[in-house]
């Protein structure tokens, strides 16, 4: 088994890997992400790739580096992490009663090989009242999340076929864990491709 490094300090990505029995170490990437307002698949793949390369070049031992970048897209516009309460309110109002996409670029790299793939999940919000949105922001403070929300705040994977009536999420098409921040099935497939285990 090769050493696996996660180039992220995201507690959600850490938990997904642990829940899938993957042993790994964390080395945070120092790559400074640029923001892109219009969805461009090449751009998100570049961010994920650069995070992985930054960590791969900082270590002097054999390891497989795993990185990811997740964005929320509505009508080709990227909904980035909100900087404040008003931006979160504006964003969630836009998502109300609409489908949007959550897209994650996953990169696996070592000193000789690198591959980046995209995984998309489509998410449908039910119609939301302004009071519901305000209560959510005040309770969960979603300022570290693209799209101003975390799916796990509304519904667990086991309940996704029949979300509670209070859930903002009406339905999803694609992997649930991709919306949380890391598509485990794709990650396992890519790690096996480099003989990580």
N, C-alpha and C. Protein backbone atom coordinates (compact mmCIF):
# COMPACT_ATOMS: atom_id res chain seq x y z
N UNK A 1 0.84 -1.20 0.00
CA UNK A 1 0.00 0.00 0.00
C UNK A 1 0.87 1.25 0.00
N UNK A 2 0.56 2.18 -0.89
CA UNK A 2 1.32 3.43 -0.96
C UNK A 2 0.73 4.45 0.00
N UNK A 3 1.56 5.37 0.41
CA UNK A 3 1.09 6.44 1.29
C UNK A 3 0.19 7.38 0.48
N UNK A 4 -0.94 7.73 1.07
CA UNK A 4 -1.89 8.65 0.43
C UNK A 4 -1.92 9.95 1.22
N UNK A 5 -1.81 11.07 0.50
CA UNK A 5 -1.85 12.39 1.12
C UNK A 5 -3.09 13.13 0.61
N UNK A 6 -3.88 13.65 1.53
CA UNK A 6 -5.00 14.50 1.17
C UNK A 6 -4.54 15.95 1.23
N UNK A 7 -4.63 16.64 0.11
CA UNK A 7 -4.17 18.04 0.04
C UNK A 7 -5.31 18.98 0.40
N UNK A 8 -5.86 18.77 1.58
CA UNK A 8 -6.99 19.58 2.02
C UNK A 8 -7.18 19.43 3.52
N UNK A 9 -7.61 20.50 4.17
CA UNK A 9 -7.93 20.42 5.60
C UNK A 9 -9.43 20.38 5.83
N UNK A 10 -10.19 20.15 4.75
CA UNK A 10 -11.65 20.10 4.86
C UNK A 10 -12.08 18.94 5.77
N UNK A 11 -12.79 19.22 6.86
CA UNK A 11 -13.25 18.14 7.73
C UNK A 11 -14.23 17.22 7.01
N UNK A 12 -14.95 17.74 6.04
CA UNK A 12 -15.91 16.91 5.31
C UNK A 12 -15.20 15.93 4.40
N UNK A 13 -14.15 16.36 3.71
CA UNK A 13 -13.39 15.43 2.86
C UNK A 13 -12.68 14.39 3.71
N UNK A 14 -12.15 14.82 4.83
CA UNK A 14 -11.48 13.89 5.75
C UNK A 14 -12.45 12.79 6.20
N UNK A 15 -13.65 13.20 6.56
CA UNK A 15 -14.65 12.24 7.05
C UNK A 15 -15.07 11.26 5.96
N UNK A 16 -15.23 11.75 4.73
CA UNK A 16 -15.62 10.86 3.63
C UNK A 16 -14.56 9.80 3.39
N UNK A 17 -13.28 10.19 3.39
CA UNK A 17 -12.21 9.21 3.20
C UNK A 17 -12.19 8.20 4.35
N UNK A 18 -12.31 8.69 5.57
CA UNK A 18 -12.30 7.78 6.74
C UNK A 18 -13.47 6.81 6.68
N UNK A 19 -14.64 7.28 6.28
CA UNK A 19 -15.82 6.41 6.20
C UNK A 19 -15.69 5.34 5.13
N UNK A 20 -14.77 5.56 4.19
CA UNK A 20 -14.54 4.57 3.14
C UNK A 20 -13.28 3.73 3.40
N UNK A 21 -12.77 3.81 4.63
CA UNK A 21 -11.66 2.96 5.03
C UNK A 21 -10.32 3.31 4.41
N UNK A 22 -10.17 4.54 3.94
CA UNK A 22 -8.91 4.95 3.32
C UNK A 22 -8.00 5.56 4.38
N UNK A 23 -6.78 5.04 4.48
CA UNK A 23 -5.79 5.59 5.41
C UNK A 23 -4.98 6.66 4.68
N UNK A 24 -4.81 7.80 5.32
CA UNK A 24 -4.17 8.92 4.65
C UNK A 24 -3.59 9.88 5.67
N UNK A 25 -2.75 10.77 5.17
CA UNK A 25 -2.24 11.89 5.96
C UNK A 25 -2.72 13.18 5.31
N UNK A 26 -2.73 14.24 6.06
CA UNK A 26 -3.16 15.54 5.53
C UNK A 26 -1.97 16.47 5.41
N UNK A 27 -1.80 17.05 4.22
CA UNK A 27 -0.83 18.12 4.00
C UNK A 27 -1.57 19.20 3.23
N UNK A 28 -1.81 20.32 3.88
CA UNK A 28 -2.59 21.39 3.25
C UNK A 28 -1.81 22.04 2.12
N UNK A 29 -2.50 22.24 1.01
CA UNK A 29 -1.89 22.94 -0.12
C UNK A 29 -1.83 24.44 0.17
N UNK A 30 -0.74 25.07 -0.26
CA UNK A 30 -0.59 26.52 -0.13
C UNK A 30 -0.91 27.25 -1.42
N UNK A 31 -1.45 26.49 -2.40
CA UNK A 31 -1.81 27.12 -3.68
C UNK A 31 -2.91 28.16 -3.45
N UNK A 32 -2.71 29.35 -3.97
CA UNK A 32 -3.69 30.42 -3.80
C UNK A 32 -4.70 30.37 -4.93
N UNK A 33 -5.91 29.99 -4.56
CA UNK A 33 -6.97 29.84 -5.56
C UNK A 33 -7.44 31.19 -6.08
N UNK A 34 -7.62 31.23 -7.39
CA UNK A 34 -8.31 32.38 -7.99
C UNK A 34 -9.79 32.02 -8.06
N UNK A 35 -10.62 33.03 -8.15
CA UNK A 35 -12.06 32.79 -8.27
C UNK A 35 -12.49 33.04 -9.71
N UNK A 36 -13.43 32.23 -10.15
CA UNK A 36 -13.96 32.37 -11.49
C UNK A 36 -15.48 32.47 -11.39
N UNK A 37 -16.07 33.50 -11.95
CA UNK A 37 -17.51 33.71 -11.80
C UNK A 37 -18.35 32.93 -12.82
N UNK A 38 -17.78 32.63 -13.97
CA UNK A 38 -18.48 31.86 -14.99
C UNK A 38 -17.87 30.45 -15.04
N UNK A 39 -18.74 29.43 -15.03
CA UNK A 39 -18.24 28.06 -14.98
C UNK A 39 -17.39 27.75 -16.20
N UNK A 40 -16.20 27.21 -15.92
CA UNK A 40 -15.27 26.79 -16.95
C UNK A 40 -14.63 25.49 -16.46
N UNK A 41 -14.94 24.36 -17.10
CA UNK A 41 -14.40 23.08 -16.61
C UNK A 41 -12.88 23.04 -16.58
N UNK A 42 -12.25 23.72 -17.52
CA UNK A 42 -10.78 23.75 -17.53
C UNK A 42 -10.24 24.47 -16.29
N UNK A 43 -10.92 25.52 -15.88
CA UNK A 43 -10.47 26.31 -14.73
C UNK A 43 -10.55 25.51 -13.43
N UNK A 44 -11.67 24.84 -13.18
CA UNK A 44 -11.81 24.07 -11.94
C UNK A 44 -10.84 22.89 -11.92
N UNK A 45 -10.60 22.29 -13.08
CA UNK A 45 -9.62 21.20 -13.15
C UNK A 45 -8.22 21.72 -12.85
N UNK A 46 -7.93 22.93 -13.32
CA UNK A 46 -6.61 23.53 -13.06
C UNK A 46 -6.42 23.78 -11.57
N UNK A 47 -7.45 24.29 -10.88
CA UNK A 47 -7.34 24.56 -9.44
C UNK A 47 -7.03 23.27 -8.68
N UNK A 48 -7.78 22.20 -8.98
CA UNK A 48 -7.55 20.93 -8.31
C UNK A 48 -6.14 20.40 -8.60
N UNK A 49 -5.74 20.46 -9.86
CA UNK A 49 -4.41 20.00 -10.28
C UNK A 49 -3.30 20.78 -9.57
N UNK A 50 -3.44 22.10 -9.51
CA UNK A 50 -2.40 22.93 -8.89
C UNK A 50 -2.29 22.68 -7.38
N UNK A 51 -3.42 22.42 -6.73
CA UNK A 51 -3.38 22.06 -5.31
C UNK A 51 -2.56 20.79 -5.11
N UNK A 52 -2.84 19.79 -5.95
CA UNK A 52 -2.13 18.51 -5.83
C UNK A 52 -0.64 18.68 -6.11
N UNK A 53 -0.32 19.42 -7.17
CA UNK A 53 1.08 19.60 -7.53
C UNK A 53 1.86 20.37 -6.46
N UNK A 54 1.20 21.34 -5.85
CA UNK A 54 1.84 22.11 -4.79
C UNK A 54 2.30 21.20 -3.65
N UNK A 55 1.43 20.26 -3.26
CA UNK A 55 1.77 19.34 -2.18
C UNK A 55 2.78 18.30 -2.67
N UNK A 56 2.58 17.77 -3.87
CA UNK A 56 3.49 16.75 -4.40
C UNK A 56 4.93 17.27 -4.47
N UNK A 57 5.10 18.54 -4.82
CA UNK A 57 6.43 19.12 -4.94
C UNK A 57 7.04 19.47 -3.58
N UNK A 58 6.21 19.46 -2.53
CA UNK A 58 6.71 19.83 -1.20
C UNK A 58 7.17 18.62 -0.39
N UNK A 59 6.91 17.42 -0.90
CA UNK A 59 7.31 16.21 -0.16
C UNK A 59 8.47 15.52 -0.88
N UNK A 60 9.28 14.82 -0.11
CA UNK A 60 10.45 14.15 -0.70
C UNK A 60 10.39 12.64 -0.53
N UNK A 61 9.17 12.09 -0.47
CA UNK A 61 9.00 10.65 -0.36
C UNK A 61 7.89 10.21 -1.32
N UNK A 62 7.86 8.92 -1.60
CA UNK A 62 6.86 8.40 -2.53
C UNK A 62 5.48 8.45 -1.89
N UNK A 63 4.56 9.08 -2.57
CA UNK A 63 3.18 9.15 -2.07
C UNK A 63 2.26 9.50 -3.23
N UNK A 64 0.99 9.17 -3.05
CA UNK A 64 -0.05 9.59 -3.98
C UNK A 64 -0.78 10.76 -3.34
N UNK A 65 -0.86 11.87 -4.06
CA UNK A 65 -1.52 13.06 -3.53
C UNK A 65 -2.92 13.16 -4.15
N UNK A 66 -3.90 13.37 -3.27
CA UNK A 66 -5.30 13.52 -3.68
C UNK A 66 -5.75 14.94 -3.36
N UNK A 67 -6.35 15.61 -4.33
CA UNK A 67 -6.89 16.94 -4.07
C UNK A 67 -8.24 17.07 -4.77
N UNK A 68 -8.99 18.09 -4.40
CA UNK A 68 -10.29 18.31 -5.00
C UNK A 68 -10.67 19.78 -4.91
N UNK A 69 -11.53 20.19 -5.81
CA UNK A 69 -12.11 21.53 -5.76
C UNK A 69 -13.58 21.40 -6.15
N UNK A 70 -14.46 21.94 -5.33
CA UNK A 70 -15.90 21.81 -5.55
C UNK A 70 -16.52 23.18 -5.79
N UNK A 71 -17.37 23.27 -6.81
CA UNK A 71 -18.07 24.52 -7.07
C UNK A 71 -19.57 24.24 -7.25
N UNK A 72 -20.35 25.28 -7.01
CA UNK A 72 -21.80 25.22 -7.21
C UNK A 72 -22.12 26.13 -8.39
N UNK A 73 -22.89 25.61 -9.34
CA UNK A 73 -23.14 26.35 -10.58
C UNK A 73 -24.64 26.48 -10.83
N UNK A 74 -25.10 27.69 -11.06
CA UNK A 74 -26.49 27.97 -11.40
C UNK A 74 -26.50 28.79 -12.69
N UNK A 75 -27.09 28.22 -13.74
CA UNK A 75 -27.17 28.91 -15.03
C UNK A 75 -25.79 29.40 -15.49
N UNK A 76 -24.80 28.52 -15.40
CA UNK A 76 -23.41 28.78 -15.83
C UNK A 76 -22.65 29.76 -14.95
N UNK A 77 -23.28 30.23 -13.86
CA UNK A 77 -22.60 31.16 -12.94
C UNK A 77 -22.14 30.39 -11.70
N UNK A 78 -20.89 30.60 -11.29
CA UNK A 78 -20.34 29.94 -10.10
C UNK A 78 -20.82 30.69 -8.85
N UNK A 79 -21.39 29.94 -7.92
CA UNK A 79 -21.81 30.53 -6.64
C UNK A 79 -20.72 30.22 -5.61
N UNK A 80 -19.83 31.16 -5.43
CA UNK A 80 -18.67 30.96 -4.56
C UNK A 80 -19.05 31.07 -3.09
N UNK A 81 -18.08 30.85 -2.21
CA UNK A 81 -18.33 30.98 -0.78
C UNK A 81 -18.76 32.42 -0.47
N UNK A 82 -19.83 32.60 0.29
CA UNK A 82 -20.29 33.96 0.59
C UNK A 82 -19.33 34.66 1.55
N UNK A 83 -19.14 35.94 1.35
CA UNK A 83 -18.24 36.70 2.22
C UNK A 83 -18.96 37.24 3.46
N UNK A 84 -20.30 37.23 3.41
CA UNK A 84 -21.05 37.77 4.53
C UNK A 84 -22.49 37.28 4.49
N UNK A 85 -23.26 37.70 5.47
CA UNK A 85 -24.67 37.29 5.60
C UNK A 85 -25.48 37.66 4.36
N UNK A 86 -25.32 38.88 3.87
CA UNK A 86 -26.12 39.33 2.73
C UNK A 86 -25.84 38.55 1.47
N UNK A 87 -24.57 38.16 1.25
CA UNK A 87 -24.24 37.36 0.08
C UNK A 87 -24.85 35.96 0.19
N UNK A 88 -24.84 35.39 1.40
CA UNK A 88 -25.46 34.07 1.61
C UNK A 88 -26.96 34.15 1.37
N UNK A 89 -27.59 35.20 1.85
CA UNK A 89 -29.03 35.39 1.66
C UNK A 89 -29.36 35.52 0.17
N UNK A 90 -28.60 36.32 -0.54
CA UNK A 90 -28.80 36.52 -1.97
C UNK A 90 -28.65 35.21 -2.74
N UNK A 91 -27.61 34.44 -2.39
CA UNK A 91 -27.33 33.18 -3.07
C UNK A 91 -28.45 32.16 -2.86
N UNK A 92 -28.88 31.98 -1.62
CA UNK A 92 -29.92 30.99 -1.34
C UNK A 92 -31.26 31.39 -1.94
N UNK A 93 -31.52 32.67 -2.03
CA UNK A 93 -32.74 33.13 -2.70
C UNK A 93 -32.70 32.74 -4.18
N UNK A 94 -31.52 32.83 -4.79
CA UNK A 94 -31.38 32.47 -6.20
C UNK A 94 -31.58 30.96 -6.41
N UNK A 95 -31.16 30.15 -5.42
CA UNK A 95 -31.29 28.70 -5.56
C UNK A 95 -32.70 28.20 -5.31
N UNK A 96 -33.53 29.00 -4.65
CA UNK A 96 -34.90 28.59 -4.31
C UNK A 96 -35.69 28.16 -5.54
N UNK A 97 -36.30 26.96 -5.44
CA UNK A 97 -37.19 26.43 -6.47
C UNK A 97 -36.49 26.18 -7.81
N UNK A 98 -35.16 25.90 -7.76
CA UNK A 98 -34.41 25.69 -9.00
C UNK A 98 -33.47 24.49 -8.87
N UNK A 99 -33.10 23.95 -10.04
CA UNK A 99 -32.02 22.96 -10.14
C UNK A 99 -30.70 23.71 -10.26
N UNK A 100 -29.66 23.15 -9.64
CA UNK A 100 -28.31 23.66 -9.85
C UNK A 100 -27.35 22.46 -9.87
N UNK A 101 -26.12 22.70 -10.23
CA UNK A 101 -25.11 21.63 -10.29
C UNK A 101 -24.03 21.85 -9.25
N UNK A 102 -23.59 20.75 -8.65
CA UNK A 102 -22.41 20.76 -7.79
C UNK A 102 -21.37 19.93 -8.52
N UNK A 103 -20.24 20.56 -8.83
CA UNK A 103 -19.22 19.91 -9.65
C UNK A 103 -17.90 19.88 -8.88
N UNK A 104 -17.33 18.68 -8.78
CA UNK A 104 -16.05 18.51 -8.10
C UNK A 104 -15.00 18.02 -9.09
N UNK A 105 -13.86 18.70 -9.10
CA UNK A 105 -12.69 18.22 -9.84
C UNK A 105 -11.81 17.45 -8.86
N UNK A 106 -11.51 16.21 -9.19
CA UNK A 106 -10.68 15.35 -8.33
C UNK A 106 -9.37 15.08 -9.06
N UNK A 107 -8.25 15.28 -8.36
CA UNK A 107 -6.93 15.02 -8.92
C UNK A 107 -6.19 14.00 -8.09
N UNK A 108 -5.57 13.04 -8.78
CA UNK A 108 -4.67 12.08 -8.15
C UNK A 108 -3.33 12.22 -8.87
N UNK A 109 -2.26 12.40 -8.10
CA UNK A 109 -0.95 12.61 -8.72
C UNK A 109 0.17 12.00 -7.87
N UNK A 110 1.24 11.63 -8.56
CA UNK A 110 2.50 11.31 -7.88
C UNK A 110 3.60 11.95 -8.72
N UNK A 111 4.84 11.52 -8.56
CA UNK A 111 5.92 12.20 -9.29
C UNK A 111 5.95 11.86 -10.78
N UNK A 112 5.19 10.84 -11.19
CA UNK A 112 5.24 10.42 -12.59
C UNK A 112 3.90 10.48 -13.31
N UNK A 113 2.82 10.67 -12.57
CA UNK A 113 1.49 10.52 -13.14
C UNK A 113 0.55 11.56 -12.53
N UNK A 114 -0.37 12.04 -13.36
CA UNK A 114 -1.39 12.94 -12.82
C UNK A 114 -2.66 12.81 -13.65
N UNK A 115 -3.80 12.77 -12.96
CA UNK A 115 -5.08 12.68 -13.65
C UNK A 115 -6.11 13.49 -12.88
N UNK A 116 -6.94 14.23 -13.61
CA UNK A 116 -8.02 15.03 -13.01
C UNK A 116 -9.33 14.71 -13.71
N UNK A 117 -10.35 14.43 -12.92
CA UNK A 117 -11.67 14.13 -13.49
C UNK A 117 -12.75 14.95 -12.79
N UNK A 118 -13.84 15.19 -13.53
CA UNK A 118 -14.96 15.95 -12.99
C UNK A 118 -16.13 15.02 -12.65
N UNK A 119 -16.80 15.32 -11.54
CA UNK A 119 -18.02 14.60 -11.14
C UNK A 119 -19.10 15.65 -10.88
N UNK A 120 -20.29 15.42 -11.46
CA UNK A 120 -21.38 16.38 -11.32
C UNK A 120 -22.58 15.74 -10.62
N UNK A 121 -23.18 16.48 -9.71
CA UNK A 121 -24.44 16.11 -9.08
C UNK A 121 -25.42 17.26 -9.28
N UNK A 122 -26.63 16.94 -9.71
CA UNK A 122 -27.65 17.98 -9.87
C UNK A 122 -28.55 17.98 -8.64
N UNK A 123 -28.84 19.17 -8.14
CA UNK A 123 -29.60 19.34 -6.90
C UNK A 123 -30.78 20.25 -7.15
N UNK A 124 -31.95 19.85 -6.65
CA UNK A 124 -33.16 20.68 -6.78
C UNK A 124 -33.58 21.17 -5.40
N UNK A 125 -33.65 22.49 -5.24
CA UNK A 125 -34.18 23.10 -4.02
C UNK A 125 -35.70 23.25 -4.16
N UNK A 126 -36.41 23.07 -3.08
CA UNK A 126 -37.83 23.41 -3.08
C UNK A 126 -37.96 24.93 -2.95
N UNK A 127 -39.17 25.44 -3.08
CA UNK A 127 -39.39 26.88 -2.93
C UNK A 127 -39.20 27.26 -1.46
N UNK A 128 -38.37 28.26 -1.22
CA UNK A 128 -38.01 28.65 0.14
C UNK A 128 -38.59 30.02 0.49
N UNK A 129 -38.98 30.17 1.74
CA UNK A 129 -39.39 31.50 2.21
C UNK A 129 -38.14 32.24 2.70
N UNK A 130 -38.23 33.55 2.72
CA UNK A 130 -37.08 34.35 3.19
C UNK A 130 -36.77 34.05 4.65
N UNK A 131 -37.81 33.83 5.46
CA UNK A 131 -37.58 33.51 6.87
C UNK A 131 -36.83 32.20 7.04
N UNK A 132 -37.16 31.19 6.22
CA UNK A 132 -36.44 29.91 6.28
C UNK A 132 -34.96 30.11 5.97
N UNK A 133 -34.70 30.89 4.94
CA UNK A 133 -33.31 31.15 4.55
C UNK A 133 -32.57 31.88 5.66
N UNK A 134 -33.18 32.91 6.22
CA UNK A 134 -32.53 33.68 7.29
C UNK A 134 -32.25 32.80 8.51
N UNK A 135 -33.22 31.97 8.88
CA UNK A 135 -33.03 31.07 10.03
C UNK A 135 -31.89 30.10 9.79
N UNK A 136 -31.79 29.60 8.55
CA UNK A 136 -30.71 28.67 8.22
C UNK A 136 -29.35 29.35 8.35
N UNK A 137 -29.23 30.54 7.78
CA UNK A 137 -27.95 31.26 7.82
C UNK A 137 -27.54 31.54 9.26
N UNK A 138 -28.49 31.98 10.06
CA UNK A 138 -28.18 32.31 11.46
C UNK A 138 -27.78 31.07 12.26
N UNK A 139 -28.40 29.93 11.97
CA UNK A 139 -28.11 28.71 12.71
C UNK A 139 -26.82 28.04 12.26
N UNK A 140 -26.59 27.96 10.94
CA UNK A 140 -25.49 27.16 10.42
C UNK A 140 -24.28 27.97 9.94
N UNK A 141 -24.44 29.30 9.78
CA UNK A 141 -23.30 30.15 9.38
C UNK A 141 -22.53 29.54 8.20
N UNK A 142 -23.16 29.38 7.04
CA UNK A 142 -22.54 28.63 5.94
C UNK A 142 -21.54 29.43 5.11
N UNK A 143 -20.67 30.19 5.77
CA UNK A 143 -19.78 31.10 5.06
C UNK A 143 -18.52 30.41 4.51
N UNK A 144 -18.33 29.13 4.87
CA UNK A 144 -17.17 28.39 4.34
C UNK A 144 -17.60 27.41 3.25
N UNK A 145 -18.82 27.58 2.74
CA UNK A 145 -19.36 26.61 1.78
C UNK A 145 -19.76 27.29 0.47
N UNK A 146 -19.29 26.73 -0.63
CA UNK A 146 -19.72 27.20 -1.94
C UNK A 146 -21.23 27.01 -2.05
N UNK A 147 -21.90 28.00 -2.62
CA UNK A 147 -23.34 27.92 -2.73
C UNK A 147 -24.09 28.29 -1.47
N UNK A 148 -23.35 28.59 -0.41
CA UNK A 148 -23.94 29.05 0.87
C UNK A 148 -24.74 27.99 1.61
N UNK A 149 -24.44 26.71 1.36
CA UNK A 149 -25.14 25.67 2.11
C UNK A 149 -24.32 24.38 2.16
N UNK A 150 -24.64 23.54 3.14
CA UNK A 150 -24.10 22.19 3.21
C UNK A 150 -25.27 21.21 3.15
N UNK A 151 -25.24 20.27 2.22
CA UNK A 151 -26.36 19.36 2.05
C UNK A 151 -26.64 18.56 3.32
N UNK A 152 -25.57 18.28 4.08
CA UNK A 152 -25.74 17.50 5.31
C UNK A 152 -26.51 18.27 6.38
N UNK A 153 -26.67 19.57 6.21
CA UNK A 153 -27.49 20.37 7.14
C UNK A 153 -28.98 20.10 6.93
N UNK A 154 -29.33 19.57 5.76
CA UNK A 154 -30.74 19.38 5.40
C UNK A 154 -31.19 17.93 5.37
N UNK A 155 -30.32 17.07 4.86
CA UNK A 155 -30.73 15.68 4.65
C UNK A 155 -29.49 14.78 4.64
N UNK A 156 -29.60 13.60 5.26
CA UNK A 156 -28.52 12.61 5.24
C UNK A 156 -28.67 11.73 4.01
N UNK A 157 -27.58 11.09 3.62
CA UNK A 157 -27.60 10.27 2.41
C UNK A 157 -28.68 9.19 2.47
N UNK A 158 -28.86 8.58 3.64
CA UNK A 158 -29.84 7.50 3.77
C UNK A 158 -31.28 7.98 3.59
N UNK A 159 -31.51 9.29 3.72
CA UNK A 159 -32.86 9.84 3.61
C UNK A 159 -33.10 10.61 2.31
N UNK A 160 -32.14 10.54 1.39
CA UNK A 160 -32.22 11.42 0.21
C UNK A 160 -33.39 11.08 -0.70
N UNK A 161 -33.85 9.82 -0.69
CA UNK A 161 -35.00 9.47 -1.52
C UNK A 161 -36.30 10.04 -0.96
N UNK A 162 -36.31 10.34 0.32
CA UNK A 162 -37.51 10.87 0.96
C UNK A 162 -37.10 11.93 1.99
N UNK A 163 -36.65 13.11 1.50
CA UNK A 163 -36.15 14.14 2.42
C UNK A 163 -37.25 14.62 3.37
N UNK A 164 -36.88 15.03 4.59
CA UNK A 164 -37.88 15.60 5.49
C UNK A 164 -38.49 16.86 4.89
N UNK A 165 -39.71 17.18 5.28
CA UNK A 165 -40.42 18.32 4.68
C UNK A 165 -39.71 19.65 4.95
N UNK A 166 -38.90 19.70 5.99
CA UNK A 166 -38.17 20.94 6.31
C UNK A 166 -36.90 21.10 5.48
N UNK A 167 -36.49 20.05 4.79
CA UNK A 167 -35.26 20.09 4.01
C UNK A 167 -35.37 21.07 2.85
N UNK A 168 -34.30 21.83 2.60
CA UNK A 168 -34.26 22.69 1.42
C UNK A 168 -34.17 21.84 0.15
N UNK A 169 -33.61 20.64 0.28
CA UNK A 169 -33.35 19.76 -0.86
C UNK A 169 -34.61 18.97 -1.19
N UNK A 170 -35.05 19.08 -2.44
CA UNK A 170 -36.21 18.32 -2.89
C UNK A 170 -35.79 16.99 -3.52
N UNK A 171 -34.73 17.04 -4.34
CA UNK A 171 -34.20 15.80 -4.93
C UNK A 171 -32.79 16.06 -5.46
N UNK A 172 -32.05 14.96 -5.67
CA UNK A 172 -30.74 15.08 -6.29
C UNK A 172 -30.57 13.99 -7.34
N UNK A 173 -29.72 14.27 -8.31
CA UNK A 173 -29.35 13.30 -9.34
C UNK A 173 -27.84 13.24 -9.38
N UNK A 174 -27.28 12.12 -8.92
CA UNK A 174 -25.84 11.97 -8.86
C UNK A 174 -25.40 11.67 -7.44
N UNK A 175 -24.08 11.53 -7.23
CA UNK A 175 -23.58 11.14 -5.90
C UNK A 175 -23.82 12.19 -4.82
N UNK A 176 -24.38 11.75 -3.71
CA UNK A 176 -24.63 12.63 -2.56
C UNK A 176 -23.32 13.17 -2.01
N UNK A 177 -22.32 12.29 -1.83
CA UNK A 177 -21.06 12.72 -1.20
C UNK A 177 -20.29 13.73 -2.05
N UNK A 178 -20.60 13.79 -3.33
CA UNK A 178 -20.01 14.82 -4.18
C UNK A 178 -20.45 16.20 -3.74
N UNK A 179 -21.72 16.31 -3.30
CA UNK A 179 -22.24 17.60 -2.82
C UNK A 179 -21.60 17.96 -1.47
N UNK A 180 -21.31 16.94 -0.67
CA UNK A 180 -20.63 17.17 0.61
C UNK A 180 -19.20 17.67 0.36
N UNK A 181 -18.57 17.20 -0.72
CA UNK A 181 -17.24 17.70 -1.04
C UNK A 181 -16.26 16.74 -1.67
N UNK A 182 -16.63 15.43 -1.77
CA UNK A 182 -15.71 14.47 -2.36
C UNK A 182 -16.47 13.23 -2.81
N UNK A 183 -16.46 12.92 -4.12
CA UNK A 183 -17.17 11.74 -4.62
C UNK A 183 -16.36 10.47 -4.38
N UNK A 184 -16.72 9.74 -3.34
CA UNK A 184 -15.90 8.60 -2.89
C UNK A 184 -15.70 7.53 -3.96
N UNK A 185 -16.74 7.21 -4.70
CA UNK A 185 -16.62 6.15 -5.72
C UNK A 185 -15.57 6.52 -6.76
N UNK A 186 -15.59 7.76 -7.22
CA UNK A 186 -14.60 8.21 -8.20
C UNK A 186 -13.20 8.24 -7.60
N UNK A 187 -13.09 8.68 -6.34
CA UNK A 187 -11.79 8.72 -5.66
C UNK A 187 -11.20 7.32 -5.55
N UNK A 188 -12.00 6.35 -5.13
CA UNK A 188 -11.53 4.96 -5.00
C UNK A 188 -11.06 4.43 -6.35
N UNK A 189 -11.83 4.70 -7.38
CA UNK A 189 -11.47 4.25 -8.73
C UNK A 189 -10.13 4.85 -9.16
N UNK A 190 -9.93 6.14 -8.91
CA UNK A 190 -8.69 6.80 -9.33
C UNK A 190 -7.49 6.35 -8.50
N UNK A 191 -7.70 6.12 -7.20
CA UNK A 191 -6.60 5.64 -6.36
C UNK A 191 -6.18 4.22 -6.74
N UNK A 192 -7.16 3.39 -7.08
CA UNK A 192 -6.82 2.02 -7.55
C UNK A 192 -6.04 2.09 -8.85
N UNK A 193 -6.33 3.10 -9.66
CA UNK A 193 -5.64 3.27 -10.95
C UNK A 193 -4.17 3.55 -10.81
N UNK A 194 -3.74 4.05 -9.65
CA UNK A 194 -2.31 4.31 -9.41
C UNK A 194 -1.76 3.33 -8.36
N UNK A 195 -2.47 2.23 -8.16
CA UNK A 195 -2.04 1.18 -7.23
C UNK A 195 -1.79 1.71 -5.82
N UNK A 196 -2.69 2.61 -5.37
CA UNK A 196 -2.54 3.17 -4.03
C UNK A 196 -2.88 2.14 -2.96
N UNK A 197 -3.67 1.13 -3.33
CA UNK A 197 -3.98 0.04 -2.40
C UNK A 197 -4.48 -1.16 -3.20
